[in-house]
Protein backbone atom coordinates (compact mmCIF):
# COMPACT_ATOMS: atom_id res chain seq x y z
CA MET A 1 -0.07 0.10 0.17
CA PRO A 2 1.86 3.66 -0.76
CA LEU A 3 2.84 5.26 2.07
CA HIS A 4 2.15 8.89 1.05
CA ALA A 5 -1.65 10.04 1.29
CA PRO A 6 -3.22 9.32 -1.86
CA LYS A 7 -4.35 12.25 -4.22
CA PRO A 8 -7.92 13.97 -5.02
CA ALA A 9 -9.31 12.69 -7.98
CA ILE A 10 -12.48 13.38 -9.58
CA LEU A 11 -15.47 11.08 -11.25
CA VAL A 12 -17.46 12.94 -13.99
CA LEU A 13 -20.32 11.00 -15.71
CA GLU A 14 -21.46 12.14 -19.45
CA ASP A 15 -24.32 13.87 -17.80
CA GLY A 16 -22.36 15.91 -16.14
CA ARG A 17 -22.44 14.21 -12.63
CA THR A 18 -19.90 14.65 -10.51
CA PHE A 19 -18.23 12.74 -7.48
CA HIS A 20 -14.82 13.75 -5.35
CA GLY A 21 -12.83 11.19 -3.88
CA GLU A 22 -9.38 9.86 -3.70
CA SER A 23 -6.87 8.30 -6.13
CA TYR A 24 -7.03 4.63 -5.99
CA GLY A 25 -4.53 2.44 -8.06
CA ALA A 26 -2.53 4.20 -10.45
CA GLU A 27 -2.57 8.31 -10.73
CA GLY A 28 -3.90 9.73 -14.12
CA GLU A 29 -7.20 9.94 -16.25
CA THR A 30 -8.96 7.26 -17.83
CA PHE A 31 -11.97 6.99 -20.17
CA GLY A 32 -15.02 4.37 -20.67
CA GLU A 33 -18.43 2.99 -19.94
CA ALA A 34 -19.52 3.23 -16.45
CA VAL A 35 -21.41 0.03 -15.35
CA PHE A 36 -21.83 -1.32 -11.77
CA SER A 37 -21.30 -4.78 -10.53
CA THR A 38 -23.15 -6.28 -8.05
CA GLY A 39 -20.91 -9.08 -6.71
CA MET A 40 -19.57 -8.91 -3.22
CA THR A 41 -16.54 -11.80 -4.11
CA GLY A 42 -14.69 -12.57 -7.17
CA TYR A 43 -13.46 -8.92 -7.81
CA GLN A 44 -10.29 -10.46 -9.22
CA GLU A 45 -12.06 -12.42 -11.35
CA THR A 46 -14.29 -9.21 -12.70
CA LEU A 47 -10.59 -7.16 -13.14
CA THR A 48 -9.11 -9.84 -15.57
CA ASP A 49 -12.33 -10.56 -17.16
CA PRO A 50 -11.57 -9.37 -21.19
CA SER A 51 -15.67 -8.78 -21.36
CA TYR A 52 -15.07 -5.62 -19.19
CA HIS A 53 -12.90 -3.88 -22.00
CA GLN A 54 -13.25 -0.40 -22.31
CA GLN A 55 -15.52 -0.22 -19.24
CA VAL A 56 -15.09 1.70 -15.99
CA VAL A 57 -16.71 -0.86 -13.13
CA VAL A 58 -18.20 0.64 -9.89
CA MET A 59 -18.28 -2.03 -7.21
CA THR A 60 -21.85 -1.93 -5.56
CA ALA A 61 -20.38 -3.58 -2.40
CA PRO A 62 -18.54 -1.12 -0.14
CA HIS A 63 -15.46 -2.98 0.99
CA ILE A 64 -13.44 -4.32 -1.47
CA GLY A 65 -9.52 -5.67 -1.33
CA ASN A 66 -9.60 -7.69 1.66
CA THR A 67 -8.42 -10.68 0.04
CA GLY A 68 -5.71 -8.92 -1.63
CA ILE A 69 -4.33 -10.18 -5.18
CA ASN A 70 -2.95 -14.01 -6.19
CA ASP A 71 -1.75 -15.52 -9.17
CA GLU A 72 -4.25 -18.56 -9.28
CA ASP A 73 -7.50 -16.63 -9.89
CA MET A 74 -7.00 -14.48 -12.66
CA GLU A 75 -9.43 -15.38 -15.71
CA SER A 76 -6.69 -13.49 -18.25
CA THR A 77 -2.92 -12.25 -18.53
CA ARG A 78 -4.21 -8.95 -17.48
CA ILE A 79 -6.76 -6.60 -15.78
CA TRP A 80 -8.87 -5.38 -18.93
CA VAL A 81 -11.39 -2.75 -17.10
CA ALA A 82 -10.54 0.81 -18.21
CA GLY A 83 -10.67 2.16 -14.72
CA TYR A 84 -12.19 1.20 -11.06
CA VAL A 85 -14.31 2.96 -8.96
CA VAL A 86 -14.61 1.43 -5.02
CA ARG A 87 -16.33 2.81 -1.94
CA ASP A 88 -13.76 1.72 0.99
CA PRO A 89 -10.39 0.26 -0.19
CA ALA A 90 -9.34 -2.78 2.20
CA ARG A 91 -5.90 -1.02 3.95
CA VAL A 92 -4.67 -4.44 4.39
CA PRO A 93 -5.32 -7.22 2.50
CA SER A 94 -6.05 -10.80 4.65
CA ASN A 95 -6.43 -13.93 3.29
CA TRP A 96 -3.86 -16.69 3.04
CA ARG A 97 -3.52 -17.00 -0.82
CA SER A 98 -2.79 -13.27 -0.70
CA GLN A 99 0.49 -11.97 -2.94
CA ARG A 100 -0.11 -8.18 -2.99
CA SER A 101 -2.50 -5.76 -2.38
CA LEU A 102 -5.17 -4.88 -5.04
CA ASP A 103 -3.98 -0.97 -5.39
CA ASP A 104 -0.37 -2.22 -5.65
CA GLU A 105 -1.62 -4.51 -8.88
CA LEU A 106 -3.98 -1.62 -10.20
CA VAL A 107 -0.82 0.49 -9.73
CA ALA A 108 1.82 -1.96 -11.60
CA GLN A 109 -1.18 -2.44 -14.01
CA GLY A 110 -1.47 1.11 -14.94
CA VAL A 111 -5.37 1.23 -13.97
CA VAL A 112 -6.63 4.38 -13.10
CA GLY A 113 -8.97 4.13 -9.92
CA ILE A 114 -10.99 6.48 -7.49
CA SER A 115 -12.34 5.42 -4.19
CA GLY A 116 -14.08 7.40 -1.05
CA ILE A 117 -17.00 7.98 -3.16
CA ASP A 118 -20.84 7.36 -2.59
CA THR A 119 -21.03 4.15 -4.80
CA ARG A 120 -24.79 3.86 -4.00
CA ALA A 121 -25.56 7.15 -5.31
CA LEU A 122 -23.47 6.64 -7.92
CA THR A 123 -25.20 3.11 -8.75
CA ARG A 124 -28.88 4.55 -8.25
CA HIS A 125 -27.96 6.81 -10.83
CA LEU A 126 -26.83 5.00 -13.45
CA ARG A 127 -30.02 2.37 -12.72
CA GLU A 128 -31.93 5.31 -13.15
CA ARG A 129 -30.08 6.90 -16.23
CA GLY A 130 -28.81 4.31 -17.93
CA ALA A 131 -24.98 2.77 -18.68
CA MET A 132 -22.98 5.94 -20.18
CA ARG A 133 -19.52 7.64 -20.39
CA VAL A 134 -17.16 8.56 -17.67
CA GLY A 135 -13.90 9.74 -16.95
CA ILE A 136 -11.47 9.44 -13.85
CA SER A 137 -9.04 11.61 -13.28
CA SER A 138 -6.48 12.72 -10.62
CA VAL A 139 -4.40 15.34 -12.72
CA GLU A 140 -7.16 17.13 -13.67
CA SER A 141 -9.07 19.12 -11.05
CA ASP A 142 -11.94 21.06 -13.42
CA PRO A 143 -14.94 19.07 -13.53
CA ALA A 144 -15.81 21.10 -16.64
CA ALA A 145 -12.78 20.27 -18.25
CA LEU A 146 -12.92 16.32 -17.93
CA LEU A 147 -16.64 16.35 -19.18
CA ALA A 148 -15.41 18.07 -22.37
CA LYS A 149 -12.95 14.50 -22.79
CA VAL A 150 -15.70 12.44 -21.52
CA THR A 151 -18.00 13.60 -24.42
CA ALA A 152 -15.48 13.31 -27.19
CA SER A 153 -14.22 10.00 -25.55
CA ALA A 154 -15.94 6.55 -27.79
CA GLU A 155 -18.80 4.77 -27.19
CA MET A 156 -19.94 1.48 -26.87
CA GLN A 157 -22.54 1.32 -28.84
CA GLY A 158 -21.33 0.22 -32.24
CA ALA A 159 -17.79 -0.61 -30.93
CA ASN A 160 -16.33 -3.73 -32.25
CA LEU A 161 -13.67 -5.04 -29.57
CA SER A 162 -12.89 -8.53 -29.87
CA ALA A 163 -10.11 -8.73 -32.03
CA ALA A 164 -8.53 -6.53 -29.41
CA VAL A 165 -9.13 -9.03 -26.81
CA SER A 166 -8.49 -12.02 -28.15
CA VAL A 167 -5.13 -14.35 -28.92
CA SER A 168 -2.83 -13.78 -31.83
CA GLU A 169 -1.99 -17.52 -32.09
CA ALA A 170 -4.04 -20.69 -31.50
CA TYR A 171 -3.44 -22.76 -28.15
CA VAL A 172 -4.62 -26.49 -26.93
CA VAL A 173 -5.76 -26.90 -23.73
CA PRO A 174 -5.41 -30.62 -23.15
CA ALA A 175 -8.55 -32.83 -22.20
CA VAL A 176 -7.98 -34.02 -18.56
CA GLY A 177 -7.52 -37.94 -18.63
CA GLU A 178 -9.03 -39.51 -21.54
CA LYS A 179 -9.67 -37.49 -24.21
CA LYS A 180 -13.50 -37.85 -25.64
CA PHE A 181 -13.99 -34.34 -27.64
CA THR A 182 -12.25 -32.12 -29.64
CA VAL A 183 -13.64 -28.47 -29.28
CA ALA A 184 -13.10 -25.54 -31.83
CA ALA A 185 -13.53 -22.33 -29.03
CA VAL A 186 -13.13 -19.14 -30.87
CA ASP A 187 -11.46 -16.33 -28.25
CA LEU A 188 -13.58 -13.45 -28.20
CA GLY A 189 -12.36 -12.63 -24.53
CA ILE A 190 -12.24 -15.93 -23.12
CA LYS A 191 -11.98 -16.48 -19.44
CA ALA A 192 -9.30 -19.27 -18.15
CA ASN A 193 -11.76 -21.04 -16.47
CA THR A 194 -13.89 -22.05 -19.65
CA PRO A 195 -11.45 -24.25 -21.24
CA ARG A 196 -10.46 -25.88 -18.17
CA MET A 197 -14.11 -26.91 -17.11
CA MET A 198 -14.19 -28.46 -20.84
CA ALA A 199 -11.06 -30.41 -20.02
CA GLU A 200 -12.18 -31.40 -16.65
CA ARG A 201 -14.95 -32.96 -19.22
CA GLY A 202 -12.27 -34.72 -21.48
CA ILE A 203 -12.57 -32.28 -24.13
CA GLU A 204 -9.59 -31.34 -25.98
CA VAL A 205 -9.90 -27.30 -26.52
CA HIS A 206 -8.15 -25.82 -29.54
CA VAL A 207 -8.57 -22.04 -28.29
CA LEU A 208 -8.64 -19.96 -31.56
CA PRO A 209 -8.15 -16.15 -32.65
CA ALA A 210 -11.39 -13.83 -33.30
CA THR A 211 -9.96 -13.57 -37.00
CA SER A 212 -10.19 -17.68 -37.72
CA THR A 213 -11.89 -18.73 -40.81
CA LEU A 214 -13.65 -21.90 -40.96
CA ALA A 215 -11.06 -23.67 -42.73
CA GLU A 216 -9.11 -22.96 -39.58
CA VAL A 217 -11.76 -24.54 -37.22
CA LEU A 218 -12.25 -27.43 -39.59
CA ALA A 219 -8.67 -28.24 -39.53
CA VAL A 220 -8.65 -29.15 -35.78
CA SER A 221 -11.03 -31.89 -37.06
CA PRO A 222 -13.82 -30.60 -33.66
CA ASP A 223 -16.71 -32.18 -32.54
CA GLY A 224 -18.06 -29.06 -31.48
CA LEU A 225 -17.51 -25.38 -32.45
CA PHE A 226 -17.89 -22.78 -28.99
CA PHE A 227 -18.10 -19.03 -29.18
CA SER A 228 -16.59 -17.24 -25.92
CA ASN A 229 -18.16 -13.90 -24.04
CA GLY A 230 -16.34 -10.76 -24.67
CA PRO A 231 -16.60 -6.91 -25.05
CA GLY A 232 -18.47 -4.84 -27.65
CA ASP A 233 -21.53 -4.01 -29.72
CA PRO A 234 -22.65 -7.63 -31.64
CA ALA A 235 -24.12 -5.59 -33.95
CA ALA A 236 -20.70 -4.46 -34.92
CA THR A 237 -19.37 -7.85 -35.20
CA THR A 238 -19.91 -9.49 -38.84
CA ARG A 239 -17.22 -11.71 -39.38
CA GLN A 240 -17.95 -14.13 -36.34
CA VAL A 241 -21.81 -14.26 -37.43
CA GLU A 242 -20.73 -15.46 -40.80
CA LEU A 243 -18.10 -18.08 -39.62
CA LEU A 244 -20.79 -19.11 -37.21
CA GLN A 245 -23.45 -19.87 -39.79
CA SER A 246 -21.12 -21.30 -42.08
CA ALA A 247 -20.56 -23.83 -39.34
CA LEU A 248 -24.33 -24.28 -38.88
CA ASP A 249 -24.70 -24.58 -42.13
CA ALA A 250 -21.77 -27.49 -42.21
CA GLY A 251 -23.83 -29.12 -38.95
CA LEU A 252 -21.25 -28.38 -36.52
CA PRO A 253 -22.68 -28.49 -32.76
CA TYR A 254 -22.65 -24.71 -31.39
CA PHE A 255 -21.99 -23.68 -27.64
CA GLY A 256 -22.04 -20.30 -27.25
CA ILE A 257 -21.89 -17.97 -23.56
CA CYS A 258 -22.34 -14.41 -23.09
CA PHE A 259 -20.95 -12.46 -26.49
CA GLY A 260 -21.45 -15.93 -27.84
CA ASN A 261 -24.90 -15.94 -27.54
CA GLN A 262 -25.79 -12.62 -29.05
CA LEU A 263 -23.78 -13.80 -31.68
CA PHE A 264 -25.81 -16.77 -31.79
CA GLY A 265 -28.94 -14.65 -32.23
CA ARG A 266 -28.11 -12.71 -34.96
CA ALA A 267 -26.45 -15.62 -36.62
CA LEU A 268 -30.24 -17.33 -36.57
CA GLY A 269 -31.84 -13.87 -37.62
CA PHE A 270 -32.61 -11.78 -34.84
CA GLY A 271 -31.83 -8.73 -33.69
CA THR A 272 -29.99 -7.28 -30.72
CA TYR A 273 -30.40 -4.24 -28.89
CA LYS A 274 -28.52 -2.08 -25.76
CA LEU A 275 -30.22 -2.93 -22.07
CA LYS A 276 -30.48 0.29 -20.16
CA TYR A 277 -27.44 -0.37 -17.47
CA GLY A 278 -27.03 -4.22 -18.48
CA HIS A 279 -26.33 -7.23 -15.87
CA ARG A 280 -23.01 -7.80 -13.98
CA GLY A 281 -22.57 -9.64 -11.00
CA ILE A 282 -23.06 -12.83 -9.37
CA ASN A 283 -26.88 -12.86 -8.18
CA GLN A 284 -28.82 -13.04 -11.69
CA PRO A 285 -31.86 -15.27 -11.02
CA VAL A 286 -32.51 -17.40 -14.84
CA MET A 287 -34.86 -20.18 -15.52
CA ASP A 288 -33.78 -22.62 -17.39
CA ARG A 289 -36.90 -23.42 -19.55
CA THR A 290 -36.14 -26.94 -20.58
CA THR A 291 -36.10 -27.77 -17.25
CA GLY A 292 -38.21 -25.17 -14.83
CA LYS A 293 -35.03 -24.98 -13.04
CA VAL A 294 -34.13 -21.54 -11.17
CA GLU A 295 -30.47 -20.82 -11.04
CA VAL A 296 -28.72 -18.51 -9.87
CA THR A 297 -26.35 -16.89 -12.10
CA ALA A 298 -22.84 -14.79 -13.05
CA HIS A 299 -23.61 -11.98 -15.34
CA ASN A 300 -21.36 -9.51 -17.62
CA HIS A 301 -23.64 -8.14 -20.67
CA GLY A 302 -24.84 -4.53 -21.68
CA PHE A 303 -26.40 -6.27 -24.81
CA ALA A 304 -29.27 -8.53 -25.32
CA VAL A 305 -30.71 -10.74 -27.74
CA ASP A 306 -34.20 -9.63 -29.33
CA ALA A 307 -35.96 -12.54 -29.92
CA PRO A 308 -39.94 -13.49 -28.69
CA LEU A 309 -39.96 -15.14 -25.10
CA GLU A 310 -43.13 -17.86 -26.65
CA GLY A 311 -43.17 -19.74 -29.25
CA SER A 312 -40.21 -20.88 -31.93
CA THR A 313 -39.32 -19.22 -34.64
CA GLU A 314 -38.18 -21.01 -38.07
CA THR A 315 -34.62 -20.37 -39.36
CA PRO A 316 -32.22 -21.83 -42.13
CA TYR A 317 -30.56 -23.91 -39.62
CA GLY A 318 -33.66 -24.95 -37.77
CA THR A 319 -36.09 -24.34 -35.39
CA ALA A 320 -35.33 -21.61 -32.60
CA THR A 321 -36.60 -20.77 -29.54
CA VAL A 322 -35.64 -18.96 -25.91
CA SER A 323 -34.77 -21.58 -23.74
CA HIS A 324 -33.78 -19.54 -20.56
CA VAL A 325 -35.04 -16.12 -19.51
CA CYS A 326 -34.09 -13.41 -16.41
CA LEU A 327 -36.21 -13.46 -13.83
CA ASN A 328 -35.82 -9.88 -13.03
CA ASP A 329 -36.70 -8.46 -16.18
CA ASP A 330 -37.17 -11.04 -18.79
CA VAL A 331 -34.18 -10.37 -20.87
CA VAL A 332 -33.47 -13.43 -23.45
CA GLU A 333 -30.79 -15.64 -21.57
CA GLY A 334 -30.30 -18.41 -23.50
CA LEU A 335 -31.56 -19.92 -27.23
CA GLU A 336 -31.84 -23.81 -28.65
CA LEU A 337 -31.72 -24.43 -32.19
CA ARG A 338 -33.65 -28.20 -32.80
CA ASP A 339 -33.87 -30.18 -35.83
CA ALA A 340 -36.76 -31.13 -37.63
CA ALA A 341 -37.22 -34.19 -35.41
CA GLY A 342 -36.84 -32.22 -32.47
CA ALA A 343 -33.23 -32.75 -31.65
CA LEU A 344 -30.85 -30.24 -29.83
CA LYS A 345 -28.52 -29.02 -32.50
CA SER A 346 -27.02 -25.91 -30.59
CA PHE A 347 -27.53 -23.79 -27.39
CA SER A 348 -26.44 -20.64 -26.11
CA VAL A 349 -27.00 -19.10 -22.73
CA GLN A 350 -26.45 -15.18 -22.05
CA TYR A 351 -24.95 -15.84 -18.95
CA HIS A 352 -21.41 -17.16 -17.41
CA PRO A 353 -21.59 -21.21 -16.17
CA GLU A 354 -17.92 -21.09 -16.05
CA ALA A 355 -17.79 -18.57 -13.14
CA ALA A 356 -14.79 -18.98 -10.97
CA ALA A 357 -16.15 -17.04 -8.20
CA GLY A 358 -19.59 -18.93 -8.50
CA PRO A 359 -22.34 -19.46 -8.61
CA HIS A 360 -21.66 -22.72 -10.02
CA ASP A 361 -25.91 -23.43 -10.45
CA ALA A 362 -25.44 -23.33 -13.99
CA ALA A 363 -21.58 -25.86 -14.92
CA TYR A 364 -24.63 -28.63 -16.12
CA LEU A 365 -24.37 -26.54 -19.31
CA PHE A 366 -20.73 -28.21 -20.27
CA ASP A 367 -22.43 -31.49 -19.74
CA ARG A 368 -25.36 -30.92 -21.86
CA PHE A 369 -22.27 -29.69 -24.76
CA CYS A 370 -20.95 -32.80 -24.31
CA ASP A 371 -24.03 -34.76 -24.65
CA LEU A 372 -24.79 -32.58 -28.00
CA MET A 373 -21.39 -33.95 -29.10
CA ALA A 374 -21.68 -37.29 -28.10
CA ALA A 375 -25.36 -37.18 -30.06
CA ARG A 376 -23.47 -36.33 -33.37
CA THR A 377 -20.89 -38.38 -32.85
CA THR A 378 -23.42 -41.93 -32.47
CA ALA A 379 -25.40 -40.12 -35.73
CA GLN A 380 -22.36 -40.14 -37.94
CA GLU A 381 -21.30 -43.82 -36.52
CA ALA A 382 -24.75 -45.36 -37.02
């Protein structure tokens, strides 16, 4: 922790609302889309989730940093948030796994943050007015000057960001124990726990760059195709939609998470739209309409699929239905694609069944993907 007193800092929202606090993490200036996360645990996983690229995350839990930072819980190789907002940062981390403080890690990675502000008031403002652009600065004390920079910064709507967070070269995560399946996983901002959970089920995971072609996908002889979570506006992402449509034409089973759900929706002919303030945190109730089971799930999305909650939709690839729905606001949280005989061909969910910090209610979806690939293998052998 720093030995000197923190510098004053200001946070200015796009609509002019201003908060005064203290610099937390690196000193400087940063801009992004202001969003709030309701998780009381798992801040390290949030910080290192590539889906938060170009977003300034406001933590609704008042006390952050008490368990420090370790090298095992990273979801990627770096912190991706554009800025970090907390009310009461821990002065001293206390956990047997802690290797350094959160503040030191933010400084080391150049992440500008602010502390000591009323995050409850800020969250209420975002709930009422919606997610918006924001600036944090410990080098500019004039709110009007910072506001001018905020309004000149990039917006999230229309942003194509997947290539910025994806790997540049493919890599393989081997299956644990006996290899049962091979999956081509297109990295749009993948979290480390996703291929890990697949590997535990006997899947050899080939993680491919976001720019991969159908030929590159088929070159690994996959039993299934996976699209990961990721940042940006799905309406601005067309290359991966075309790849997915070609894969569906080829009869490849598909499983998508979060951004992968939005792109699946667009591939099937549905639209997407920006939510007012999005879903973020680890306490969102979702119903799996195929089983009637209600799950508490982890979310991080500012966009959603515009598909009818009732009935089915005929697409060039089969019959599509909404399989999961958020019980808070009826947002589409999952899609299914079935053939003429009613057999499942592909599916996706808007939330995170791989949530490393929990909850783990939806981990069964990886088993559902295995069942889908096994059924295809059986049909091919028949």
